[in-house]
Amino acid sequence: MPKNTSPSSSSARARAKKSSDTGAFTREERAAMKERADETRASREGKANGERALLEKIAELPEDDRQIAERLHALVKDVAPDLAPRTWYGMPAYEKDGKVLCFLQAASKFKTRYATLGFSDQAALDDGVMWPTSFAVTKLTPAVEREIKTLLRRAIG
């Protein structure tokens, strides 16, 4: 019988715990850092094409993640067309004034059970002394899409 390699398996959790306990990076973390280095190099060399790179990354995603990423891309283009698409650590991201404003971490990126819509400190989501900056997403329903649109409008200020 094949060994259970799901992210929830005890061996996967043990490897992740061991990596974090020793300060070592997981394979997925190292891959994300390599992707970021490649993105930075392409940008410096003038070879970066943000939207093309973003769409290529989205096309590589498993079906569930791809559906969320494609729909998020459409929402961003509709609500915040001035945000520039790009990749960031190999993830679909959108920037304002040269800085990442929001990004989608696909569930498959680090073998988690949900995708994460995250906002950087550039996002104008401030609400008192504590506010959320990342949101778990398992499916984009009409209600979730409305909430994302509201967040995007707030984030861009």
Protein backbone atom coordinates (compact mmCIF):
# COMPACT_ATOMS: atom_id res chain seq x y z
CA MET A 1 0.00 0.00 0.00
CA PRO A 2 1.47 3.44 -0.92
CA LYS A 3 2.63 5.68 1.85
CA ASN A 4 0.28 8.56 2.73
CA THR A 5 1.89 11.73 1.37
CA SER A 6 -0.98 14.11 2.02
CA PRO A 7 -0.08 17.34 3.81
CA SER A 8 -2.12 16.21 6.78
CA SER A 9 -0.18 12.97 7.21
CA SER A 10 1.81 12.65 10.39
CA SER A 11 5.07 12.20 8.46
CA ALA A 12 4.49 15.47 6.53
CA ARG A 13 3.72 17.28 9.79
CA ALA A 14 6.80 15.76 11.39
CA ARG A 15 9.02 16.93 8.50
CA ALA A 16 7.55 20.43 8.66
CA LYS A 17 8.00 20.54 12.44
CA LYS A 18 11.57 19.24 12.17
CA SER A 19 12.41 21.89 9.55
CA SER A 20 10.96 24.69 11.65
CA ASP A 21 12.61 23.40 14.83
CA THR A 22 16.06 23.35 13.24
CA GLY A 23 15.66 26.62 11.38
CA ALA A 24 16.00 24.77 8.04
CA PHE A 25 13.72 25.67 5.18
CA THR A 26 11.28 23.19 3.69
CA ARG A 27 11.59 22.18 0.05
CA GLU A 28 8.61 24.41 -0.78
CA GLU A 29 10.13 27.40 1.03
CA ARG A 30 13.44 26.96 -0.80
CA ALA A 31 11.59 26.76 -4.13
CA ALA A 32 9.69 29.99 -3.33
CA MET A 33 12.96 31.77 -2.49
CA LYS A 34 14.49 30.57 -5.77
CA GLU A 35 11.44 31.83 -7.66
CA ARG A 36 11.78 35.22 -5.95
CA ALA A 37 15.46 35.43 -6.91
CA ASP A 38 14.55 34.60 -10.53
CA GLU A 39 11.81 37.28 -10.49
CA THR A 40 14.23 39.88 -9.15
CA ARG A 41 16.87 38.95 -11.72
CA ALA A 42 14.37 39.17 -14.61
CA SER A 43 13.18 42.55 -13.35
CA ARG A 44 16.74 43.91 -13.14
CA GLU A 45 17.51 42.62 -16.62
CA GLY A 46 14.38 44.23 -18.02
CA LYS A 47 12.93 40.84 -18.96
CA ALA A 48 10.00 40.90 -16.59
CA ASN A 49 6.54 40.83 -18.11
CA GLY A 50 4.31 40.84 -15.07
CA GLU A 51 0.98 39.76 -16.48
CA ARG A 52 2.48 37.10 -18.75
CA ALA A 53 4.43 35.62 -15.81
CA LEU A 54 1.33 35.74 -13.59
CA LEU A 55 -0.84 33.99 -16.20
CA GLU A 56 1.83 31.33 -16.74
CA LYS A 57 1.95 30.63 -12.98
CA ILE A 58 -1.84 30.45 -12.83
CA ALA A 59 -1.88 27.98 -15.75
CA GLU A 60 0.53 25.69 -13.83
CA LEU A 61 -1.76 25.45 -10.78
CA PRO A 62 -3.94 22.43 -9.99
CA GLU A 63 -7.59 22.86 -11.03
CA ASP A 64 -9.01 24.09 -7.67
CA ASP A 65 -6.25 26.66 -7.19
CA ARG A 66 -6.36 27.68 -10.84
CA GLN A 67 -10.09 28.44 -10.70
CA ILE A 68 -9.59 30.68 -7.67
CA ALA A 69 -6.55 32.41 -9.18
CA GLU A 70 -8.23 33.02 -12.56
CA ARG A 71 -11.32 34.48 -10.93
CA LEU A 72 -9.23 36.61 -8.55
CA HIS A 73 -7.29 37.96 -11.54
CA ALA A 74 -10.55 38.94 -13.22
CA LEU A 75 -11.79 40.62 -10.02
CA VAL A 76 -8.58 42.61 -9.62
CA LYS A 77 -8.68 43.76 -13.25
CA ASP A 78 -12.31 44.81 -12.80
CA VAL A 79 -12.06 46.55 -9.42
CA ALA A 80 -8.45 47.77 -9.42
CA PRO A 81 -7.22 47.97 -13.03
CA ASP A 82 -4.32 50.22 -11.97
CA LEU A 83 -2.74 47.42 -9.96
CA ALA A 84 0.08 45.81 -11.93
CA PRO A 85 0.02 42.00 -12.14
CA ARG A 86 3.24 40.13 -11.42
CA THR A 87 4.54 37.12 -9.56
CA TRP A 88 5.96 37.32 -6.07
CA TYR A 89 7.78 34.29 -4.65
CA GLY A 90 6.16 32.41 -7.52
CA MET A 91 2.65 33.46 -6.49
CA PRO A 92 0.15 35.62 -8.38
CA ALA A 93 0.45 39.15 -6.98
CA TYR A 94 -0.60 42.71 -7.73
CA GLU A 95 1.44 45.81 -7.05
CA LYS A 96 0.81 49.50 -6.57
CA ASP A 97 3.61 52.02 -7.01
CA GLY A 98 6.15 49.19 -7.42
CA LYS A 99 5.23 47.41 -4.16
CA VAL A 100 3.13 44.27 -3.72
CA LEU A 101 -0.31 45.15 -2.41
CA CYS A 102 -1.96 41.73 -2.47
CA PHE A 103 -1.18 38.16 -3.48
CA LEU A 104 -2.68 34.70 -3.70
CA GLN A 105 -0.88 31.83 -2.06
CA ALA A 106 -2.34 28.73 -3.69
CA ALA A 107 -3.11 25.81 -1.39
CA SER A 108 -0.74 23.71 -3.47
CA LYS A 109 2.16 26.14 -2.93
CA PHE A 110 2.92 24.92 0.59
CA LYS A 111 0.54 21.95 0.66
CA THR A 112 -2.06 23.65 2.85
CA ARG A 113 -5.76 22.92 2.95
CA TYR A 114 -6.82 26.33 1.61
CA ALA A 115 -5.55 29.15 -0.59
CA THR A 116 -4.70 32.43 1.11
CA LEU A 117 -5.53 35.89 -0.16
CA GLY A 118 -2.96 38.11 1.52
CA PHE A 119 -2.43 41.85 1.74
CA SER A 120 0.89 43.55 2.45
CA ASP A 121 1.47 46.52 4.71
CA GLN A 122 0.94 48.69 1.59
CA ALA A 123 -2.79 47.88 1.75
CA ALA A 124 -4.97 50.49 3.43
CA LEU A 125 -6.91 47.96 5.50
CA ASP A 126 -6.10 49.61 8.83
CA ASP A 127 -8.94 49.37 11.33
CA GLY A 128 -7.91 50.39 14.84
CA VAL A 129 -4.87 48.74 16.35
CA MET A 130 -5.46 45.23 14.93
CA TRP A 131 -6.93 44.02 11.61
CA PRO A 132 -6.79 40.98 9.33
CA THR A 133 -4.38 40.94 6.40
CA SER A 134 -4.88 37.41 5.10
CA PHE A 135 -7.94 35.36 4.34
CA ALA A 136 -8.42 31.63 3.81
CA VAL A 137 -10.21 30.88 0.54
CA THR A 138 -11.54 27.48 -0.46
CA LYS A 139 -14.00 28.60 -3.14
CA LEU A 140 -15.02 31.88 -4.76
CA THR A 141 -18.77 32.16 -4.31
CA PRO A 142 -20.65 35.35 -5.25
CA ALA A 143 -20.62 36.42 -1.58
CA VAL A 144 -16.86 35.83 -1.30
CA GLU A 145 -16.29 37.74 -4.53
CA ARG A 146 -18.25 40.72 -3.15
CA GLU A 147 -16.12 40.65 -0.01
CA ILE A 148 -12.90 40.50 -2.04
CA LYS A 149 -14.04 43.46 -4.15
CA THR A 150 -14.69 45.43 -0.97
CA LEU A 151 -11.26 44.51 0.40
CA LEU A 152 -9.55 45.50 -2.85
CA ARG A 153 -11.29 48.88 -2.91
CA ARG A 154 -10.23 49.52 0.69
CA ALA A 155 -6.70 48.23 0.11
CA ILE A 156 -5.93 50.60 -2.75
CA GLY A 157 -7.09 53.55 -0.65
